[in-house]
Amino acid sequence: MHQQSVHDYLKSHIRTVPDWPAPGVQFRDITPLLQDPRVFRVLIDAFVHRYMDPALRPDIVAGLDARGFILGSVVAYELGLGFVPIRKKGKLPFTTVEETYELEYGSATVELHTDAIQPGQRVLLIDDLIATGGTMMAGKRLIERLGGTLCEGAAIVDLPELGGSDRLRADGLKLFTLLSFEGH
């Protein structure tokens, strides 16, 4: 499959759920990408082939709670790398660093074990979707606090109208997304 057909193929397997979780929101559901083994392989291969490039190859993969765990762990496995979870507050048993970020209504906190990233390690940060960019920004800050270097932030879907990808790039994070959807 050439690049454009990969995009079209993957995009055709993303379900749009109108008015969820709130009226006016067009929720982009990635679970159909995971259910079909062929589609799941095309999805993972798109990331794996990119990060096999020595110029982009990370030392470790970090995934954001929770769908970033699904992608990140499989991508790490296929690249022969370790995986570290960035979890919601209160889920990690060892000593952690934490970062709080703003949500549309309120705030949330994510944590990372203090020994998850070694100083100087090149880290790929992965999630399913970039909306406002808050979760990925918090993950970026945690990795940097532990001395890691972000080689890239990666996601399946970018929702550019919500401004997250622009905000992340303005903060110096290189981004790679497979697909873009207009609207919320």
N, C-alpha and C. Protein backbone atom coordinates (compact mmCIF):
# COMPACT_ATOMS: atom_id res chain seq x y z
N MET A 1 0.83 -1.19 0.00
CA MET A 1 0.00 0.00 0.00
C MET A 1 0.88 1.25 0.00
N HIS A 2 0.67 2.14 -0.96
CA HIS A 2 1.45 3.38 -0.92
C HIS A 2 0.86 4.31 0.14
N GLN A 3 1.59 5.38 0.49
CA GLN A 3 1.25 6.23 1.63
C GLN A 3 -0.19 6.75 1.60
N GLN A 4 -0.62 7.28 0.46
CA GLN A 4 -1.98 7.85 0.42
C GLN A 4 -3.03 6.78 0.65
N SER A 5 -2.84 5.59 0.07
CA SER A 5 -3.85 4.57 0.27
C SER A 5 -3.85 4.06 1.72
N VAL A 6 -2.71 4.09 2.39
CA VAL A 6 -2.66 3.74 3.81
C VAL A 6 -3.53 4.72 4.60
N HIS A 7 -3.38 6.00 4.33
CA HIS A 7 -4.18 7.02 5.01
C HIS A 7 -5.66 6.79 4.77
N ASP A 8 -6.04 6.61 3.50
CA ASP A 8 -7.45 6.40 3.17
C ASP A 8 -7.99 5.12 3.82
N TYR A 9 -7.18 4.06 3.78
CA TYR A 9 -7.56 2.78 4.36
C TYR A 9 -7.81 2.92 5.86
N LEU A 10 -6.89 3.57 6.56
CA LEU A 10 -7.05 3.75 7.99
C LEU A 10 -8.22 4.68 8.31
N LYS A 11 -8.33 5.76 7.58
CA LYS A 11 -9.40 6.73 7.83
C LYS A 11 -10.77 6.08 7.66
N SER A 12 -10.87 5.16 6.70
CA SER A 12 -12.16 4.50 6.46
C SER A 12 -12.55 3.57 7.61
N HIS A 13 -11.62 3.28 8.51
CA HIS A 13 -11.90 2.41 9.64
C HIS A 13 -12.03 3.16 10.97
N ILE A 14 -12.09 4.49 10.91
CA ILE A 14 -12.34 5.28 12.12
C ILE A 14 -13.81 5.64 12.14
N ARG A 15 -14.45 5.32 13.25
CA ARG A 15 -15.88 5.56 13.39
C ARG A 15 -16.10 6.94 14.00
N THR A 16 -17.00 7.72 13.42
CA THR A 16 -17.37 9.01 13.99
C THR A 16 -18.69 8.84 14.73
N VAL A 17 -18.66 9.20 16.02
CA VAL A 17 -19.85 9.10 16.86
C VAL A 17 -20.31 10.52 17.15
N PRO A 18 -21.46 10.94 16.56
CA PRO A 18 -21.91 12.31 16.78
C PRO A 18 -22.44 12.52 18.20
N ASP A 19 -22.23 13.74 18.70
CA ASP A 19 -22.78 14.18 19.98
C ASP A 19 -22.35 13.32 21.17
N TRP A 20 -21.08 12.85 21.12
CA TRP A 20 -20.54 12.10 22.26
C TRP A 20 -19.15 12.60 22.57
N PRO A 21 -18.78 12.89 23.78
CA PRO A 21 -19.55 12.72 25.02
C PRO A 21 -20.49 13.89 25.33
N ALA A 22 -20.54 14.88 24.42
CA ALA A 22 -21.42 16.04 24.65
C ALA A 22 -22.01 16.48 23.32
N PRO A 23 -23.15 17.16 23.35
CA PRO A 23 -23.76 17.65 22.11
C PRO A 23 -22.78 18.51 21.30
N GLY A 24 -22.76 18.28 19.99
CA GLY A 24 -21.90 19.05 19.10
C GLY A 24 -20.53 18.46 18.88
N VAL A 25 -20.14 17.45 19.69
CA VAL A 25 -18.83 16.82 19.54
C VAL A 25 -18.94 15.66 18.55
N GLN A 26 -17.99 15.62 17.61
CA GLN A 26 -17.89 14.49 16.68
C GLN A 26 -16.75 13.61 17.19
N PHE A 27 -17.06 12.57 17.96
CA PHE A 27 -16.03 11.73 18.57
C PHE A 27 -15.42 10.80 17.53
N ARG A 28 -14.09 10.81 17.44
CA ARG A 28 -13.37 9.95 16.49
C ARG A 28 -12.93 8.69 17.23
N ASP A 29 -13.62 7.60 16.96
CA ASP A 29 -13.43 6.34 17.67
C ASP A 29 -12.43 5.46 16.90
N ILE A 30 -11.28 5.19 17.52
CA ILE A 30 -10.24 4.39 16.86
C ILE A 30 -10.39 2.89 17.11
N THR A 31 -11.36 2.47 17.93
CA THR A 31 -11.44 1.04 18.25
C THR A 31 -11.63 0.15 17.02
N PRO A 32 -12.33 0.58 15.95
CA PRO A 32 -12.40 -0.30 14.77
C PRO A 32 -11.03 -0.58 14.14
N LEU A 33 -10.06 0.34 14.32
CA LEU A 33 -8.70 0.09 13.80
C LEU A 33 -8.05 -1.08 14.51
N LEU A 34 -8.45 -1.33 15.74
CA LEU A 34 -7.82 -2.36 16.56
C LEU A 34 -8.50 -3.71 16.41
N GLN A 35 -9.76 -3.72 16.01
CA GLN A 35 -10.55 -4.95 15.99
C GLN A 35 -10.21 -5.87 14.84
N ASP A 36 -9.86 -5.32 13.70
CA ASP A 36 -9.56 -6.11 12.51
C ASP A 36 -8.05 -6.33 12.46
N PRO A 37 -7.58 -7.59 12.45
CA PRO A 37 -6.14 -7.83 12.52
C PRO A 37 -5.35 -7.21 11.36
N ARG A 38 -5.93 -7.17 10.17
CA ARG A 38 -5.22 -6.59 9.02
C ARG A 38 -5.09 -5.08 9.18
N VAL A 39 -6.17 -4.43 9.60
CA VAL A 39 -6.16 -2.98 9.79
C VAL A 39 -5.19 -2.63 10.93
N PHE A 40 -5.22 -3.40 12.00
CA PHE A 40 -4.33 -3.16 13.14
C PHE A 40 -2.87 -3.26 12.69
N ARG A 41 -2.56 -4.23 11.87
CA ARG A 41 -1.17 -4.39 11.39
C ARG A 41 -0.77 -3.21 10.50
N VAL A 42 -1.65 -2.76 9.61
CA VAL A 42 -1.33 -1.61 8.77
C VAL A 42 -1.07 -0.38 9.65
N LEU A 43 -1.89 -0.20 10.67
CA LEU A 43 -1.73 0.91 11.60
C LEU A 43 -0.37 0.86 12.30
N ILE A 44 -0.06 -0.26 12.90
CA ILE A 44 1.20 -0.39 13.65
C ILE A 44 2.39 -0.28 12.71
N ASP A 45 2.30 -0.90 11.54
CA ASP A 45 3.42 -0.84 10.58
C ASP A 45 3.71 0.60 10.14
N ALA A 46 2.68 1.43 10.04
CA ALA A 46 2.91 2.83 9.65
C ALA A 46 3.83 3.52 10.64
N PHE A 47 3.67 3.23 11.92
CA PHE A 47 4.55 3.81 12.95
C PHE A 47 5.91 3.11 12.96
N VAL A 48 5.90 1.79 12.93
CA VAL A 48 7.14 1.01 13.02
C VAL A 48 8.09 1.37 11.88
N HIS A 49 7.58 1.43 10.66
CA HIS A 49 8.43 1.75 9.51
C HIS A 49 9.05 3.13 9.66
N ARG A 50 8.30 4.08 10.19
CA ARG A 50 8.84 5.43 10.40
C ARG A 50 9.98 5.41 11.41
N TYR A 51 9.79 4.72 12.52
CA TYR A 51 10.76 4.78 13.61
C TYR A 51 11.89 3.76 13.48
N MET A 52 11.90 2.98 12.41
CA MET A 52 13.06 2.16 12.09
C MET A 52 14.17 3.02 11.48
N ASP A 53 13.81 4.17 10.94
CA ASP A 53 14.77 5.11 10.38
C ASP A 53 15.75 5.52 11.48
N PRO A 54 17.06 5.30 11.29
CA PRO A 54 18.03 5.62 12.35
C PRO A 54 17.95 7.08 12.82
N ALA A 55 17.58 8.00 11.96
CA ALA A 55 17.49 9.41 12.34
C ALA A 55 16.32 9.67 13.30
N LEU A 56 15.30 8.83 13.26
CA LEU A 56 14.11 9.01 14.09
C LEU A 56 14.00 7.99 15.21
N ARG A 57 14.83 6.97 15.18
CA ARG A 57 14.70 5.83 16.10
C ARG A 57 14.87 6.26 17.56
N PRO A 58 13.87 5.96 18.39
CA PRO A 58 13.98 6.28 19.81
C PRO A 58 14.75 5.18 20.56
N ASP A 59 15.06 5.47 21.81
CA ASP A 59 15.64 4.46 22.71
C ASP A 59 14.56 3.75 23.50
N ILE A 60 13.42 4.44 23.67
CA ILE A 60 12.31 3.90 24.46
C ILE A 60 11.02 4.57 23.98
N VAL A 61 9.90 3.89 24.20
CA VAL A 61 8.60 4.42 23.81
C VAL A 61 7.79 4.68 25.07
N ALA A 62 7.18 5.87 25.16
CA ALA A 62 6.28 6.21 26.26
C ALA A 62 4.88 6.37 25.70
N GLY A 63 3.90 5.76 26.37
CA GLY A 63 2.52 5.84 25.93
C GLY A 63 1.65 6.52 26.96
N LEU A 64 0.70 7.32 26.49
CA LEU A 64 -0.20 8.07 27.36
C LEU A 64 -1.46 7.26 27.65
N ASP A 65 -1.87 7.29 28.89
CA ASP A 65 -3.04 6.59 29.40
C ASP A 65 -4.28 7.02 28.62
N ALA A 66 -5.02 6.14 28.04
CA ALA A 66 -4.92 4.69 28.07
C ALA A 66 -4.68 4.14 26.65
N ARG A 67 -5.23 4.79 25.63
CA ARG A 67 -5.08 4.20 24.29
C ARG A 67 -3.65 4.30 23.79
N GLY A 68 -2.86 5.22 24.32
CA GLY A 68 -1.45 5.27 23.99
C GLY A 68 -0.69 4.04 24.47
N PHE A 69 -1.27 3.33 25.47
CA PHE A 69 -0.66 2.07 25.92
C PHE A 69 -0.77 1.00 24.84
N ILE A 70 -1.92 0.97 24.19
CA ILE A 70 -2.17 -0.05 23.17
C ILE A 70 -1.18 0.13 22.02
N LEU A 71 -1.12 1.34 21.50
CA LEU A 71 -0.22 1.61 20.38
C LEU A 71 1.23 1.53 20.79
N GLY A 72 1.57 2.23 21.86
CA GLY A 72 2.96 2.35 22.27
C GLY A 72 3.62 1.03 22.60
N SER A 73 2.90 0.16 23.29
CA SER A 73 3.51 -1.11 23.68
C SER A 73 3.77 -1.99 22.46
N VAL A 74 2.85 -1.99 21.50
CA VAL A 74 3.05 -2.82 20.30
C VAL A 74 4.16 -2.23 19.43
N VAL A 75 4.20 -0.91 19.27
CA VAL A 75 5.26 -0.26 18.50
C VAL A 75 6.62 -0.53 19.16
N ALA A 76 6.69 -0.41 20.48
CA ALA A 76 7.94 -0.68 21.20
C ALA A 76 8.38 -2.13 20.97
N TYR A 77 7.46 -3.06 21.10
CA TYR A 77 7.76 -4.48 20.89
C TYR A 77 8.31 -4.72 19.49
N GLU A 78 7.66 -4.16 18.49
CA GLU A 78 8.08 -4.37 17.10
C GLU A 78 9.44 -3.73 16.82
N LEU A 79 9.78 -2.67 17.54
CA LEU A 79 11.08 -2.01 17.36
C LEU A 79 12.16 -2.62 18.25
N GLY A 80 11.78 -3.56 19.12
CA GLY A 80 12.73 -4.16 20.04
C GLY A 80 13.14 -3.21 21.15
N LEU A 81 12.21 -2.36 21.58
CA LEU A 81 12.49 -1.34 22.60
C LEU A 81 11.63 -1.58 23.83
N GLY A 82 11.98 -0.91 24.92
CA GLY A 82 11.16 -0.92 26.12
C GLY A 82 10.01 0.06 26.00
N PHE A 83 9.03 -0.12 26.89
CA PHE A 83 7.84 0.73 26.92
C PHE A 83 7.62 1.23 28.34
N VAL A 84 7.25 2.51 28.47
CA VAL A 84 6.89 3.07 29.78
C VAL A 84 5.53 3.74 29.70
N PRO A 85 4.67 3.44 30.68
CA PRO A 85 3.35 4.07 30.71
C PRO A 85 3.36 5.39 31.47
N ILE A 86 2.69 6.37 30.90
CA ILE A 86 2.40 7.62 31.60
C ILE A 86 0.94 7.51 32.01
N ARG A 87 0.71 7.38 33.32
CA ARG A 87 -0.61 7.01 33.83
C ARG A 87 -1.33 8.16 34.49
N LYS A 88 -2.62 7.99 34.63
CA LYS A 88 -3.42 8.92 35.42
C LYS A 88 -2.97 8.82 36.88
N LYS A 89 -3.08 9.92 37.59
CA LYS A 89 -2.62 10.00 38.99
C LYS A 89 -3.19 8.87 39.84
N GLY A 90 -2.31 8.30 40.67
CA GLY A 90 -2.72 7.29 41.64
C GLY A 90 -2.67 5.86 41.14
N LYS A 91 -2.18 5.62 39.93
CA LYS A 91 -2.17 4.27 39.36
C LYS A 91 -0.80 3.60 39.39
N LEU A 92 0.28 4.38 39.57
CA LEU A 92 1.62 3.82 39.57
C LEU A 92 2.10 3.56 41.00
N PRO A 93 2.69 2.38 41.26
CA PRO A 93 3.01 2.00 42.63
C PRO A 93 4.34 2.54 43.18
N PHE A 94 5.25 2.97 42.31
CA PHE A 94 6.58 3.38 42.75
C PHE A 94 6.64 4.91 42.84
N THR A 95 7.78 5.45 43.19
CA THR A 95 7.97 6.90 43.27
C THR A 95 7.73 7.53 41.90
N THR A 96 6.97 8.62 41.88
CA THR A 96 6.60 9.23 40.60
C THR A 96 6.91 10.72 40.57
N VAL A 97 6.94 11.25 39.35
CA VAL A 97 6.84 12.68 39.12
C VAL A 97 5.46 12.89 38.50
N GLU A 98 4.88 14.05 38.74
CA GLU A 98 3.54 14.29 38.21
C GLU A 98 3.44 15.64 37.54
N GLU A 99 2.47 15.73 36.64
CA GLU A 99 2.23 16.97 35.90
C GLU A 99 0.72 17.13 35.76
N THR A 100 0.23 18.31 36.12
CA THR A 100 -1.19 18.61 36.03
C THR A 100 -1.44 19.48 34.81
N TYR A 101 -2.53 19.24 34.13
CA TYR A 101 -2.88 20.02 32.94
C TYR A 101 -4.36 20.33 32.97
N GLU A 102 -4.72 21.35 32.22
CA GLU A 102 -6.11 21.82 32.21
C GLU A 102 -6.95 21.04 31.20
N LEU A 103 -8.16 20.76 31.60
CA LEU A 103 -9.17 20.16 30.72
C LEU A 103 -10.21 21.23 30.43
N GLU A 104 -11.16 20.89 29.59
CA GLU A 104 -12.22 21.85 29.28
C GLU A 104 -12.95 22.26 30.55
N TYR A 105 -13.20 21.29 31.44
CA TYR A 105 -13.84 21.57 32.73
C TYR A 105 -12.96 20.96 33.81
N GLY A 106 -12.08 21.76 34.42
CA GLY A 106 -11.24 21.27 35.50
C GLY A 106 -9.83 20.95 35.04
N SER A 107 -9.21 19.98 35.75
CA SER A 107 -7.84 19.61 35.42
C SER A 107 -7.65 18.12 35.64
N ALA A 108 -6.52 17.61 35.17
CA ALA A 108 -6.17 16.21 35.35
C ALA A 108 -4.67 16.14 35.61
N THR A 109 -4.23 15.04 36.19
CA THR A 109 -2.82 14.86 36.50
C THR A 109 -2.36 13.51 35.98
N VAL A 110 -1.18 13.50 35.37
CA VAL A 110 -0.56 12.25 34.93
C VAL A 110 0.77 12.09 35.65
N GLU A 111 1.20 10.83 35.77
CA GLU A 111 2.42 10.50 36.50
C GLU A 111 3.30 9.55 35.70
N LEU A 112 4.58 9.58 36.05
CA LEU A 112 5.58 8.71 35.44
C LEU A 112 6.53 8.28 36.55
N HIS A 113 6.90 7.00 36.57
CA HIS A 113 7.88 6.53 37.55
C HIS A 113 9.19 7.28 37.37
N THR A 114 9.83 7.60 38.47
CA THR A 114 11.07 8.39 38.42
C THR A 114 12.21 7.66 37.72
N ASP A 115 12.14 6.33 37.66
CA ASP A 115 13.21 5.56 37.00
C ASP A 115 12.82 5.10 35.60
N ALA A 116 11.71 5.64 35.04
CA ALA A 116 11.21 5.18 33.75
C ALA A 116 12.05 5.67 32.58
N ILE A 117 12.61 6.86 32.71
CA ILE A 117 13.40 7.48 31.65
C ILE A 117 14.77 7.81 32.21
N GLN A 118 15.80 7.43 31.48
CA GLN A 118 17.17 7.75 31.89
C GLN A 118 17.61 9.04 31.20
N PRO A 119 18.41 9.85 31.89
CA PRO A 119 18.89 11.10 31.26
C PRO A 119 19.55 10.81 29.91
N GLY A 120 19.16 11.61 28.91
CA GLY A 120 19.73 11.47 27.58
C GLY A 120 19.01 10.48 26.68
N GLN A 121 18.08 9.68 27.23
CA GLN A 121 17.35 8.73 26.38
C GLN A 121 16.47 9.48 25.39
N ARG A 122 16.44 8.97 24.15
CA ARG A 122 15.54 9.50 23.11
C ARG A 122 14.20 8.80 23.26
N VAL A 123 13.16 9.60 23.45
CA VAL A 123 11.84 9.06 23.77
C VAL A 123 10.84 9.39 22.67
N LEU A 124 10.10 8.38 22.25
CA LEU A 124 8.94 8.56 21.39
C LEU A 124 7.72 8.58 22.29
N LEU A 125 6.94 9.66 22.25
CA LEU A 125 5.73 9.80 23.05
C LEU A 125 4.54 9.56 22.14
N ILE A 126 3.67 8.62 22.52
CA ILE A 126 2.60 8.21 21.60
C ILE A 126 1.24 8.19 22.29
N ASP A 127 0.23 8.60 21.53
CA ASP A 127 -1.16 8.57 21.98
C ASP A 127 -2.04 8.31 20.76
N ASP A 128 -3.33 8.16 20.99
CA ASP A 128 -4.22 7.87 19.86
C ASP A 128 -4.60 9.12 19.09
N LEU A 129 -4.75 10.26 19.80
CA LEU A 129 -5.35 11.43 19.19
C LEU A 129 -4.83 12.71 19.85
N ILE A 130 -4.64 13.75 19.06
CA ILE A 130 -4.27 15.06 19.60
C ILE A 130 -5.47 15.99 19.40
N ALA A 131 -6.02 16.45 20.52
CA ALA A 131 -7.13 17.40 20.48
C ALA A 131 -6.60 18.76 20.97
N THR A 132 -6.74 19.04 22.26
CA THR A 132 -6.22 20.31 22.79
C THR A 132 -4.72 20.21 23.10
N GLY A 133 -4.19 18.99 23.13
CA GLY A 133 -2.76 18.79 23.35
C GLY A 133 -2.34 18.74 24.81
N GLY A 134 -3.27 18.88 25.73
CA GLY A 134 -2.94 18.93 27.15
C GLY A 134 -2.24 17.69 27.68
N THR A 135 -2.76 16.52 27.32
CA THR A 135 -2.17 15.28 27.82
C THR A 135 -0.77 15.08 27.27
N MET A 136 -0.59 15.31 25.98
CA MET A 136 0.74 15.12 25.38
C MET A 136 1.73 16.15 25.92
N MET A 137 1.27 17.37 26.16
CA MET A 137 2.15 18.40 26.73
C MET A 137 2.60 17.98 28.13
N ALA A 138 1.68 17.45 28.92
CA ALA A 138 2.03 16.99 30.27
C ALA A 138 3.03 15.84 30.19
N GLY A 139 2.83 14.91 29.26
CA GLY A 139 3.78 13.81 29.08
C GLY A 139 5.14 14.31 28.67
N LYS A 140 5.17 15.27 27.77
CA LYS A 140 6.43 15.88 27.32
C LYS A 140 7.19 16.47 28.51
N ARG A 141 6.48 17.21 29.35
CA ARG A 141 7.12 17.85 30.50
C ARG A 141 7.68 16.82 31.48
N LEU A 142 6.94 15.72 31.70
CA LEU A 142 7.43 14.67 32.60
C LEU A 142 8.73 14.06 32.07
N ILE A 143 8.74 13.74 30.79
CA ILE A 143 9.92 13.13 30.16
C ILE A 143 11.11 14.07 30.26
N GLU A 144 10.89 15.34 29.98
CA GLU A 144 11.98 16.32 30.05
C GLU A 144 12.48 16.50 31.48
N ARG A 145 11.57 16.46 32.46
CA ARG A 145 11.99 16.58 33.87
C ARG A 145 12.91 15.45 34.29
N LEU A 146 12.74 14.28 33.68
CA LEU A 146 13.60 13.14 34.00
C LEU A 146 14.86 13.11 33.12
N GLY A 147 15.03 14.11 32.26
CA GLY A 147 16.25 14.20 31.44
C GLY A 147 16.14 13.54 30.09
N GLY A 148 14.95 13.08 29.71
CA GLY A 148 14.76 12.47 28.40
C GLY A 148 14.68 13.52 27.31
N THR A 149 15.00 13.09 26.09
CA THR A 149 14.90 13.95 24.92
C THR A 149 13.79 13.40 24.04
N LEU A 150 12.81 14.23 23.73
CA LEU A 150 11.72 13.76 22.88
C LEU A 150 12.14 13.79 21.43
N CYS A 151 12.14 12.63 20.78
CA CYS A 151 12.44 12.61 19.35
C CYS A 151 11.20 13.02 18.57
N GLU A 152 10.02 12.67 19.09
CA GLU A 152 8.79 13.03 18.39
C GLU A 152 7.59 12.68 19.26
N GLY A 153 6.48 13.38 19.03
CA GLY A 153 5.19 13.00 19.57
C GLY A 153 4.40 12.41 18.41
N ALA A 154 3.75 11.27 18.62
CA ALA A 154 3.05 10.59 17.54
C ALA A 154 1.62 10.26 17.96
N ALA A 155 0.72 10.32 16.99
CA ALA A 155 -0.68 9.96 17.23
C ALA A 155 -1.29 9.49 15.91
N ILE A 156 -2.38 8.78 16.02
CA ILE A 156 -3.11 8.36 14.83
C ILE A 156 -3.81 9.57 14.21
N VAL A 157 -4.53 10.33 15.05
CA VAL A 157 -5.41 11.38 14.57
C VAL A 157 -5.02 12.74 15.16
N ASP A 158 -5.04 13.76 14.31
CA ASP A 158 -4.92 15.14 14.74
C ASP A 158 -6.26 15.83 14.48
N LEU A 159 -6.72 16.59 15.47
CA LEU A 159 -7.90 17.45 15.30
C LEU A 159 -7.39 18.89 15.32
N PRO A 160 -6.89 19.38 14.18
CA PRO A 160 -6.19 20.67 14.15
C PRO A 160 -7.01 21.86 14.61
N GLU A 161 -8.33 21.83 14.42
CA GLU A 161 -9.17 22.97 14.80
C GLU A 161 -9.16 23.21 16.31
N LEU A 162 -8.80 22.19 17.09
CA LEU A 162 -8.76 22.35 18.55
C LEU A 162 -7.45 22.95 19.03
N GLY A 163 -6.47 23.09 18.13
CA GLY A 163 -5.26 23.83 18.43
C GLY A 163 -4.15 23.09 19.16
N GLY A 164 -4.37 21.86 19.52
CA GLY A 164 -3.36 21.12 20.27
C GLY A 164 -2.06 20.91 19.52
N SER A 165 -2.15 20.52 18.26
CA SER A 165 -0.92 20.26 17.50
C SER A 165 -0.12 21.54 17.31
N ASP A 166 -0.78 22.67 17.07
CA ASP A 166 -0.07 23.95 16.95
C ASP A 166 0.61 24.31 18.27
N ARG A 167 -0.10 24.09 19.36
CA ARG A 167 0.45 24.40 20.69
C ARG A 167 1.68 23.53 20.99
N LEU A 168 1.61 22.25 20.67
CA LEU A 168 2.73 21.34 20.91
C LEU A 168 3.94 21.71 20.06
N ARG A 169 3.69 22.02 18.79
CA ARG A 169 4.80 22.43 17.90
C ARG A 169 5.43 23.73 18.39
N ALA A 170 4.60 24.66 18.85
CA ALA A 170 5.11 25.94 19.36
C ALA A 170 5.99 25.73 20.59
N ASP A 171 5.74 24.64 21.32
CA ASP A 171 6.54 24.30 22.50
C ASP A 171 7.76 23.45 22.13
N GLY A 172 7.98 23.26 20.82
CA GLY A 172 9.19 22.58 20.37
C GLY A 172 9.07 21.08 20.13
N LEU A 173 7.86 20.53 20.21
CA LEU A 173 7.70 19.10 19.99
C LEU A 173 7.43 18.82 18.51
N LYS A 174 8.27 18.00 17.89
CA LYS A 174 7.99 17.55 16.53
C LYS A 174 6.86 16.53 16.62
N LEU A 175 5.92 16.63 15.68
CA LEU A 175 4.76 15.74 15.70
C LEU A 175 4.66 14.93 14.42
N PHE A 176 4.15 13.71 14.57
CA PHE A 176 3.82 12.86 13.44
C PHE A 176 2.43 12.30 13.69
N THR A 177 1.50 12.60 12.79
CA THR A 177 0.16 12.02 12.87
C THR A 177 -0.17 11.39 11.52
N LEU A 178 -0.93 10.33 11.56
CA LEU A 178 -1.29 9.62 10.33
C LEU A 178 -2.46 10.29 9.62
N LEU A 179 -3.40 10.84 10.40
CA LEU A 179 -4.65 11.35 9.84
C LEU A 179 -5.04 12.65 10.48
N SER A 180 -5.83 13.44 9.76
CA SER A 180 -6.34 14.69 10.29
C SER A 180 -7.84 14.74 10.01
N PHE A 181 -8.60 15.20 10.99
CA PHE A 181 -10.05 15.38 10.83
C PHE A 181 -10.37 16.82 11.15
N GLU A 182 -11.17 17.45 10.31
CA GLU A 182 -11.65 18.79 10.60
C GLU A 182 -12.79 18.68 11.61
N GLY A 183 -13.02 19.75 12.33
CA GLY A 183 -14.11 19.76 13.31
C GLY A 183 -13.65 19.17 14.62
N HIS A 184 -14.59 19.06 15.54
CA HIS A 184 -14.28 18.60 16.89
C HIS A 184 -14.60 17.13 17.01
